[in-house]
Amino acid sequence: MKALLVLALSSLCATAMADEVPTDVAQQQPAIEEYTNSTHLDIAKVISMSEIPNVCEVVPAKMVYDDSKGQRHILRYSVMGNGCSNG
């Protein structure tokens, strides 16, 4: 009787696992695009921006945005840090 119960439960588990769709994080994340002066930007909605450190030098930054067609993009660019003073 126990063997029959184990067999029934294992087949139920196998069926439940077969319904799961494997997801690959690399396929879900868009490729990181490097910004240049000739990069055409089509920004409809900014999703997130990296925090700019308090240093007085050029630092890398990242912005995640959706374009006008709903496609998600990740843009890497350079920006001057927030740690410079003018006085």
PDB file of N, CA and C in Angstrom:
ATOM      1  N   MET A   1       0.825  -1.202   0.000  1.00  0.00           N
ATOM      2  CA  MET A   1       0.000   0.000   0.000  1.00  0.00           C
ATOM      3  C   MET A   1       0.867   1.263   0.000  1.00  0.00           C
ATOM      4  N   LYS A   2       1.949   1.220   0.826  1.00  0.00           N
ATOM      5  CA  LYS A   2       2.844   2.374   0.881  1.00  0.00           C
ATOM      6  C   LYS A   2       3.514   2.611  -0.466  1.00  0.00           C
ATOM      7  N   ALA A   3       3.882   1.517  -1.129  1.00  0.00           N
ATOM      8  CA  ALA A   3       4.530   1.642  -2.433  1.00  0.00           C
ATOM      9  C   ALA A   3       3.590   2.284  -3.447  1.00  0.00           C
ATOM     10  N   LEU A   4       2.326   1.934  -3.387  1.00  0.00           N
ATOM     11  CA  LEU A   4       1.332   2.517  -4.288  1.00  0.00           C
ATOM     12  C   LEU A   4       1.164   4.010  -4.021  1.00  0.00           C
ATOM     13  N   LEU A   5       1.152   4.399  -2.739  1.00  0.00           N
ATOM     14  CA  LEU A   5       1.035   5.803  -2.364  1.00  0.00           C
ATOM     15  C   LEU A   5       2.253   6.596  -2.827  1.00  0.00           C
ATOM     16  N   VAL A   6       3.444   6.020  -2.637  1.00  0.00           N
ATOM     17  CA  VAL A   6       4.679   6.678  -3.080  1.00  0.00           C
ATOM     18  C   VAL A   6       4.671   6.836  -4.596  1.00  0.00           C
ATOM     19  N   LEU A   7       4.241   5.817  -5.319  1.00  0.00           N
ATOM     20  CA  LEU A   7       4.170   5.879  -6.774  1.00  0.00           C
ATOM     21  C   LEU A   7       3.200   6.964  -7.235  1.00  0.00           C
ATOM     22  N   ALA A   8       2.047   7.044  -6.592  1.00  0.00           N
ATOM     23  CA  ALA A   8       1.052   8.062  -6.960  1.00  0.00           C
ATOM     24  C   ALA A   8       1.573   9.464  -6.683  1.00  0.00           C
ATOM     25  N   LEU A   9       2.213   9.661  -5.523  1.00  0.00           N
ATOM     26  CA  LEU A   9       2.742  10.986  -5.185  1.00  0.00           C
ATOM     27  C   LEU A   9       3.900  11.376  -6.095  1.00  0.00           C
ATOM     28  N   SER A  10       4.760  10.438  -6.440  1.00  0.00           N
ATOM     29  CA  SER A  10       5.891  10.768  -7.310  1.00  0.00           C
ATOM     30  C   SER A  10       5.419  11.124  -8.716  1.00  0.00           C
ATOM     31  N   SER A  11       4.389  10.461  -9.206  1.00  0.00           N
ATOM     32  CA  SER A  11       3.871  10.808 -10.531  1.00  0.00           C
ATOM     33  C   SER A  11       3.195  12.172 -10.506  1.00  0.00           C
ATOM     34  N   LEU A  12       2.556  12.509  -9.386  1.00  0.00           N
ATOM     35  CA  LEU A  12       1.942  13.827  -9.246  1.00  0.00           C
ATOM     36  C   LEU A  12       3.007  14.917  -9.224  1.00  0.00           C
ATOM     37  N   CYS A  13       4.096  14.669  -8.512  1.00  0.00           N
ATOM     38  CA  CYS A  13       5.201  15.644  -8.460  1.00  0.00           C
ATOM     39  C   CYS A  13       5.840  15.819  -9.830  1.00  0.00           C
ATOM     40  N   ALA A  14       6.024  14.722 -10.548  1.00  0.00           N
ATOM     41  CA  ALA A  14       6.624  14.797 -11.886  1.00  0.00           C
ATOM     42  C   ALA A  14       5.732  15.596 -12.826  1.00  0.00           C
ATOM     43  N   THR A  15       4.421  15.432 -12.708  1.00  0.00           N
ATOM     44  CA  THR A  15       3.492  16.192 -13.541  1.00  0.00           C
ATOM     45  C   THR A  15       3.548  17.673 -13.196  1.00  0.00           C
ATOM     46  N   ALA A  16       3.619  18.003 -11.922  1.00  0.00           N
ATOM     47  CA  ALA A  16       3.678  19.402 -11.505  1.00  0.00           C
ATOM     48  C   ALA A  16       4.967  20.051 -11.970  1.00  0.00           C
ATOM     49  N   MET A  17       6.070  19.314 -11.901  1.00  0.00           N
ATOM     50  CA  MET A  17       7.353  19.876 -12.333  1.00  0.00           C
ATOM     51  C   MET A  17       7.400  20.026 -13.841  1.00  0.00           C
ATOM     52  N   ALA A  18       6.708  19.181 -14.579  1.00  0.00           N
ATOM     53  CA  ALA A  18       6.699  19.284 -16.036  1.00  0.00           C
ATOM     54  C   ALA A  18       5.970  20.535 -16.500  1.00  0.00           C
ATOM     55  N   ASP A  19       5.031  21.032 -15.685  1.00  0.00           N
ATOM     56  CA  ASP A  19       4.289  22.236 -16.046  1.00  0.00           C
ATOM     57  C   ASP A  19       5.100  23.506 -15.848  1.00  0.00           C
ATOM     58  N   GLU A  20       6.170  23.435 -15.078  1.00  0.00           N
ATOM     59  CA  GLU A  20       6.983  24.615 -14.836  1.00  0.00           C
ATOM     60  C   GLU A  20       7.791  24.944 -16.083  1.00  0.00           C
ATOM     61  N   VAL A  21       7.825  26.216 -16.419  1.00  0.00           N
ATOM     62  CA  VAL A  21       8.585  26.662 -17.573  1.00  0.00           C
ATOM     63  C   VAL A  21       9.945  27.136 -17.087  1.00  0.00           C
ATOM     64  N   PRO A  22      11.021  26.554 -17.578  1.00  0.00           N
ATOM     65  CA  PRO A  22      12.341  27.019 -17.134  1.00  0.00           C
ATOM     66  C   PRO A  22      12.593  28.426 -17.645  1.00  0.00           C
ATOM     67  N   THR A  23      13.125  29.266 -16.784  1.00  0.00           N
ATOM     68  CA  THR A  23      13.428  30.638 -17.170  1.00  0.00           C
ATOM     69  C   THR A  23      14.922  30.854 -17.120  1.00  0.00           C
ATOM     70  N   ASP A  24      15.429  31.555 -18.084  1.00  0.00           N
ATOM     71  CA  ASP A  24      16.840  31.878 -18.143  1.00  0.00           C
ATOM     72  C   ASP A  24      16.969  33.380 -17.956  1.00  0.00           C
ATOM     73  N   VAL A  25      17.622  33.791 -16.876  1.00  0.00           N
ATOM     74  CA  VAL A  25      17.737  35.211 -16.549  1.00  0.00           C
ATOM     75  C   VAL A  25      18.461  35.959 -17.653  1.00  0.00           C
ATOM     76  N   ALA A  26      19.429  35.328 -18.284  1.00  0.00           N
ATOM     77  CA  ALA A  26      20.178  35.996 -19.349  1.00  0.00           C
ATOM     78  C   ALA A  26      19.284  36.320 -20.546  1.00  0.00           C
ATOM     79  N   GLN A  27      18.268  35.485 -20.808  1.00  0.00           N
ATOM     80  CA  GLN A  27      17.369  35.756 -21.922  1.00  0.00           C
ATOM     81  C   GLN A  27      16.392  36.870 -21.589  1.00  0.00           C
ATOM     82  N   GLN A  28      16.066  37.052 -20.310  1.00  0.00           N
ATOM     83  CA  GLN A  28      15.114  38.076 -19.915  1.00  0.00           C
ATOM     84  C   GLN A  28      15.753  39.449 -19.851  1.00  0.00           C
ATOM     85  N   GLN A  29      17.034  39.526 -19.535  1.00  0.00           N
ATOM     86  CA  GLN A  29      17.732  40.805 -19.412  1.00  0.00           C
ATOM     87  C   GLN A  29      18.215  41.264 -20.781  1.00  0.00           C
ATOM     88  N   PRO A  30      17.915  42.504 -21.162  1.00  0.00           N
ATOM     89  CA  PRO A  30      18.451  43.009 -22.427  1.00  0.00           C
ATOM     90  C   PRO A  30      19.960  43.234 -22.306  1.00  0.00           C
ATOM     91  N   ALA A  31      20.639  43.230 -23.429  1.00  0.00           N
ATOM     92  CA  ALA A  31      22.080  43.475 -23.445  1.00  0.00           C
ATOM     93  C   ALA A  31      22.366  44.915 -23.027  1.00  0.00           C
ATOM     94  N   ILE A  32      23.487  45.118 -22.381  1.00  0.00           N
ATOM     95  CA  ILE A  32      23.877  46.474 -21.973  1.00  0.00           C
ATOM     96  C   ILE A  32      24.450  47.196 -23.184  1.00  0.00           C
ATOM     97  N   GLU A  33      23.892  48.359 -23.469  1.00  0.00           N
ATOM     98  CA  GLU A  33      24.334  49.179 -24.591  1.00  0.00           C
ATOM     99  C   GLU A  33      25.263  50.271 -24.071  1.00  0.00           C
ATOM    100  N   GLU A  34      26.374  50.496 -24.768  1.00  0.00           N
ATOM    101  CA  GLU A  34      27.298  51.562 -24.399  1.00  0.00           C
ATOM    102  C   GLU A  34      26.890  52.840 -25.128  1.00  0.00           C
ATOM    103  N   TYR A  35      26.770  53.949 -24.389  1.00  0.00           N
ATOM    104  CA  TYR A  35      26.384  55.222 -25.000  1.00  0.00           C
ATOM    105  C   TYR A  35      27.573  55.848 -25.714  1.00  0.00           C
ATOM    106  N   THR A  36      27.340  56.351 -26.909  1.00  0.00           N
ATOM    107  CA  THR A  36      28.294  57.178 -27.644  1.00  0.00           C
ATOM    108  C   THR A  36      27.542  58.412 -28.126  1.00  0.00           C
ATOM    109  N   ASN A  37      28.270  59.371 -28.660  1.00  0.00           N
ATOM    110  CA  ASN A  37      27.619  60.599 -29.153  1.00  0.00           C
ATOM    111  C   ASN A  37      26.664  60.315 -30.311  1.00  0.00           C
ATOM    112  N   SER A  38      26.853  59.224 -31.013  1.00  0.00           N
ATOM    113  CA  SER A  38      25.979  58.902 -32.143  1.00  0.00           C
ATOM    114  C   SER A  38      24.835  57.952 -31.757  1.00  0.00           C
ATOM    115  N   THR A  39      24.713  57.615 -30.476  1.00  0.00           N
ATOM    116  CA  THR A  39      23.645  56.723 -30.034  1.00  0.00           C
ATOM    117  C   THR A  39      22.293  57.429 -30.127  1.00  0.00           C
ATOM    118  N   HIS A  40      21.357  56.791 -30.843  1.00  0.00           N
ATOM    119  CA  HIS A  40      19.993  57.328 -30.939  1.00  0.00           C
ATOM    120  C   HIS A  40      19.220  56.843 -29.719  1.00  0.00           C
ATOM    121  N   LEU A  41      18.691  57.774 -28.947  1.00  0.00           N
ATOM    122  CA  LEU A  41      17.944  57.417 -27.748  1.00  0.00           C
ATOM    123  C   LEU A  41      16.454  57.610 -27.983  1.00  0.00           C
ATOM    124  N   ASP A  42      15.698  56.590 -27.685  1.00  0.00           N
ATOM    125  CA  ASP A  42      14.238  56.620 -27.786  1.00  0.00           C
ATOM    126  C   ASP A  42      13.716  56.250 -26.397  1.00  0.00           C
ATOM    127  N   ILE A  43      13.696  57.224 -25.492  1.00  0.00           N
ATOM    128  CA  ILE A  43      13.335  56.962 -24.101  1.00  0.00           C
ATOM    129  C   ILE A  43      11.896  57.405 -23.867  1.00  0.00           C
ATOM    130  N   ALA A  44      11.028  56.436 -23.643  1.00  0.00           N
ATOM    131  CA  ALA A  44       9.634  56.742 -23.333  1.00  0.00           C
ATOM    132  C   ALA A  44       9.418  56.779 -21.822  1.00  0.00           C
ATOM    133  N   LYS A  45      10.106  55.879 -21.086  1.00  0.00           N
ATOM    134  CA  LYS A  45       9.924  55.812 -19.638  1.00  0.00           C
ATOM    135  C   LYS A  45      11.213  55.326 -18.992  1.00  0.00           C
ATOM    136  N   VAL A  46      11.725  56.089 -18.038  1.00  0.00           N
ATOM    137  CA  VAL A  46      12.911  55.682 -17.289  1.00  0.00           C
ATOM    138  C   VAL A  46      12.456  54.767 -16.152  1.00  0.00           C
ATOM    139  N   ILE A  47      13.051  53.581 -16.086  1.00  0.00           N
ATOM    140  CA  ILE A  47      12.711  52.596 -15.054  1.00  0.00           C
ATOM    141  C   ILE A  47      13.592  52.811 -13.828  1.00  0.00           C
ATOM    142  N   SER A  48      14.904  52.946 -14.044  1.00  0.00           N
ATOM    143  CA  SER A  48      15.820  53.170 -12.928  1.00  0.00           C
ATOM    144  C   SER A  48      17.110  53.792 -13.440  1.00  0.00           C
ATOM    145  N   MET A  49      17.803  54.466 -12.520  1.00  0.00           N
ATOM    146  CA  MET A  49      19.112  55.047 -12.806  1.00  0.00           C
ATOM    147  C   MET A  49      20.029  54.718 -11.638  1.00  0.00           C
ATOM    148  N   SER A  50      21.288  54.452 -11.959  1.00  0.00           N
ATOM    149  CA  SER A  50      22.238  54.159 -10.892  1.00  0.00           C
ATOM    150  C   SER A  50      22.549  55.425 -10.114  1.00  0.00           C
ATOM    151  N   GLU A  51      22.953  55.251  -8.875  1.00  0.00           N
ATOM    152  CA  GLU A  51      23.299  56.383  -8.028  1.00  0.00           C
ATOM    153  C   GLU A  51      24.692  56.874  -8.404  1.00  0.00           C
ATOM    154  N   ILE A  52      24.861  58.192  -8.465  1.00  0.00           N
ATOM    155  CA  ILE A  52      26.141  58.792  -8.819  1.00  0.00           C
ATOM    156  C   ILE A  52      26.935  59.020  -7.528  1.00  0.00           C
ATOM    157  N   PRO A  53      28.159  58.487  -7.433  1.00  0.00           N
ATOM    158  CA  PRO A  53      28.936  58.624  -6.195  1.00  0.00           C
ATOM    159  C   PRO A  53      29.445  60.043  -5.979  1.00  0.00           C
ATOM    160  N   ASN A  54      29.791  60.356  -4.740  1.00  0.00           N
ATOM    161  CA  ASN A  54      30.323  61.675  -4.377  1.00  0.00           C
ATOM    162  C   ASN A  54      31.834  61.695  -4.544  1.00  0.00           C
ATOM    163  N   VAL A  55      32.293  61.631  -5.776  1.00  0.00           N
ATOM    164  CA  VAL A  55      33.712  61.729  -6.111  1.00  0.00           C
ATOM    165  C   VAL A  55      33.857  62.797  -7.181  1.00  0.00           C
ATOM    166  N   CYS A  56      35.055  63.320  -7.318  1.00  0.00           N
ATOM    167  CA  CYS A  56      35.298  64.352  -8.324  1.00  0.00           C
ATOM    168  C   CYS A  56      36.074  63.741  -9.488  1.00  0.00           C
ATOM    169  N   GLU A  57      35.408  62.873 -10.210  1.00  0.00           N
ATOM    170  CA  GLU A  57      35.992  62.226 -11.375  1.00  0.00           C
ATOM    171  C   GLU A  57      34.877  61.627 -12.224  1.00  0.00           C
ATOM    172  N   VAL A  58      35.211  61.226 -13.414  1.00  0.00           N
ATOM    173  CA  VAL A  58      34.234  60.593 -14.303  1.00  0.00           C
ATOM    174  C   VAL A  58      33.994  59.169 -13.812  1.00  0.00           C
ATOM    175  N   VAL A  59      32.717  58.813 -13.687  1.00  0.00           N
ATOM    176  CA  VAL A  59      32.334  57.488 -13.193  1.00  0.00           C
ATOM    177  C   VAL A  59      31.317  56.862 -14.147  1.00  0.00           C
ATOM    178  N   PRO A  60      31.251  55.533 -14.177  1.00  0.00           N
ATOM    179  CA  PRO A  60      30.232  54.881 -15.010  1.00  0.00           C
ATOM    180  C   PRO A  60      28.859  54.969 -14.343  1.00  0.00           C
ATOM    181  N   ALA A  61      27.837  55.066 -15.161  1.00  0.00           N
ATOM    182  CA  ALA A  61      26.462  55.092 -14.668  1.00  0.00           C
ATOM    183  C   ALA A  61      25.627  54.196 -15.565  1.00  0.00           C
ATOM    184  N   LYS A  62      24.448  53.822 -15.075  1.00  0.00           N
ATOM    185  CA  LYS A  62      23.580  52.920 -15.831  1.00  0.00           C
ATOM    186  C   LYS A  62      22.142  53.402 -15.721  1.00  0.00           C
ATOM    187  N   MET A  63      21.419  53.302 -16.822  1.00  0.00           N
ATOM    188  CA  MET A  63      20.006  53.657 -16.840  1.00  0.00           C
ATOM    189  C   MET A  63      19.235  52.525 -17.515  1.00  0.00           C
ATOM    190  N   VAL A  64      18.127  52.140 -16.899  1.00  0.00           N
ATOM    191  CA  VAL A  64      17.220  51.151 -17.484  1.00  0.00           C
ATOM    192  C   VAL A  64      15.981  51.920 -17.925  1.00  0.00           C
ATOM    193  N   TYR A  65      15.581  51.725 -19.188  1.00  0.00           N
ATOM    194  CA  TYR A  65      14.430  52.462 -19.705  1.00  0.00           C
ATOM    195  C   TYR A  65      13.668  51.631 -20.716  1.00  0.00           C
ATOM    196  N   ASP A  66      12.420  52.033 -20.952  1.00  0.00           N
ATOM    197  CA  ASP A  66      11.592  51.452 -22.009  1.00  0.00           C
ATOM    198  C   ASP A  66      11.523  52.447 -23.153  1.00  0.00           C
ATOM    199  N   ASP A  67      11.581  51.945 -24.395  1.00  0.00           N
ATOM    200  CA  ASP A  67      11.456  52.834 -25.540  1.00  0.00           C
ATOM    201  C   ASP A  67       9.986  52.987 -25.932  1.00  0.00           C
ATOM    202  N   SER A  68       9.724  53.716 -27.002  1.00  0.00           N
ATOM    203  CA  SER A  68       8.342  53.993 -27.404  1.00  0.00           C
ATOM    204  C   SER A  68       7.605  52.741 -27.881  1.00  0.00           C
ATOM    205  N   LYS A  69       8.328  51.663 -28.164  1.00  0.00           N
ATOM    206  CA  LYS A  69       7.697  50.399 -28.565  1.00  0.00           C
ATOM    207  C   LYS A  69       7.541  49.436 -27.404  1.00  0.00           C
ATOM    208  N   GLY A  70       7.939  49.865 -26.197  1.00  0.00           N
ATOM    209  CA  GLY A  70       7.812  49.016 -25.019  1.00  0.00           C
ATOM    210  C   GLY A  70       8.994  48.101 -24.777  1.00  0.00           C
ATOM    211  N   GLN A  71      10.038  48.214 -25.577  1.00  0.00           N
ATOM    212  CA  GLN A  71      11.236  47.392 -25.411  1.00  0.00           C
ATOM    213  C   GLN A  71      12.084  47.932 -24.271  1.00  0.00           C
ATOM    214  N   ARG A  72      12.607  47.046 -23.431  1.00  0.00           N
ATOM    215  CA  ARG A  72      13.445  47.432 -22.296  1.00  0.00           C
ATOM    216  C   ARG A  72      14.903  47.525 -22.753  1.00  0.00           C
ATOM    217  N   HIS A  73      15.605  48.572 -22.303  1.00  0.00           N
ATOM    218  CA  HIS A  73      17.008  48.789 -22.645  1.00  0.00           C
ATOM    219  C   HIS A  73      17.792  49.087 -21.373  1.00  0.00           C
ATOM    220  N   ILE A  74      19.076  48.719 -21.398  1.00  0.00           N
ATOM    221  CA  ILE A  74      20.011  49.092 -20.338  1.00  0.00           C
ATOM    222  C   ILE A  74      21.133  49.869 -21.012  1.00  0.00           C
ATOM    223  N   LEU A  75      21.329  51.101 -20.583  1.00  0.00           N
ATOM    224  CA  LEU A  75      22.318  51.980 -21.184  1.00  0.00           C
ATOM    225  C   LEU A  75      23.396  52.300 -20.162  1.00  0.00           C
ATOM    226  N   ARG A  76      24.656  52.078 -20.553  1.00  0.00           N
ATOM    227  CA  ARG A  76      25.781  52.439 -19.699  1.00  0.00           C
ATOM    228  C   ARG A  76      26.443  53.678 -20.310  1.00  0.00           C
ATOM    229  N   TYR A  77      26.742  54.649 -19.465  1.00  0.00           N
ATOM    230  CA  TYR A  77      27.329  55.901 -19.920  1.00  0.00           C
ATOM    231  C   TYR A  77      28.266  56.437 -18.850  1.00  0.00           C
ATOM    232  N   SER A  78      29.006  57.482 -19.167  1.00  0.00           N
ATOM    233  CA  SER A  78      29.909  58.108 -18.206  1.00  0.00           C
ATOM    234  C   SER A  78      29.352  59.445 -17.774  1.00  0.00           C
ATOM    235  N   VAL A  79      29.567  59.774 -16.501  1.00  0.00           N
ATOM    236  CA  VAL A  79      29.061  61.022 -15.942  1.00  0.00           C
ATOM    237  C   VAL A  79      30.069  61.521 -14.910  1.00  0.00           C
ATOM    238  N   MET A  80      30.109  62.822 -14.701  1.00  0.00           N
ATOM    239  CA  MET A  80      30.980  63.379 -13.671  1.00  0.00           C
ATOM    240  C   MET A  80      30.347  63.140 -12.320  1.00  0.00           C
ATOM    241  N   GLY A  81      31.155  62.704 -11.350  1.00  0.00           N
ATOM    242  CA  GLY A  81      30.663  62.430 -10.011  1.00  0.00           C
ATOM    243  C   GLY A  81      30.139  63.674  -9.328  1.00  0.00           C
ATOM    244  N   ASN A  82      29.407  63.503  -8.241  1.00  0.00           N
ATOM    245  CA  ASN A  82      28.799  64.611  -7.511  1.00  0.00           C
ATOM    246  C   ASN A  82      29.702  65.235  -6.453  1.00  0.00           C
ATOM    247  N   GLY A  83      30.957  64.838  -6.390  1.00  0.00           N
ATOM    248  CA  GLY A  83      31.831  65.300  -5.314  1.00  0.00           C
ATOM    249  C   GLY A  83      32.677  66.502  -5.624  1.00  0.00           C
ATOM    250  N   CYS A  84      32.467  67.140  -6.746  1.00  0.00           N
ATOM    251  CA  CYS A  84      33.283  68.305  -7.112  1.00  0.00           C
ATOM    252  C   CYS A  84      32.667  69.583  -6.549  1.00  0.00           C
ATOM    253  N   SER A  85      33.538  70.490  -6.124  1.00  0.00           N
ATOM    254  CA  SER A  85      33.054  71.794  -5.676  1.00  0.00           C
ATOM    255  C   SER A  85      33.671  72.866  -6.545  1.00  0.00           C
ATOM    256  N   ASN A  86      32.961  73.959  -6.728  1.00  0.00           N
ATOM    257  CA  ASN A  86      33.430  75.036  -7.599  1.00  0.00           C
ATOM    258  C   ASN A  86      34.065  76.170  -6.832  1.00  0.00           C
ATOM    259  N   GLY A  87      34.443  75.949  -5.592  1.00  0.00           N
ATOM    260  CA  GLY A  87      34.891  77.112  -4.891  1.00  0.00           C
ATOM    261  C   GLY A  87      36.030  77.002  -4.021  1.00  0.00           C
TER     262      GLY A  87
END
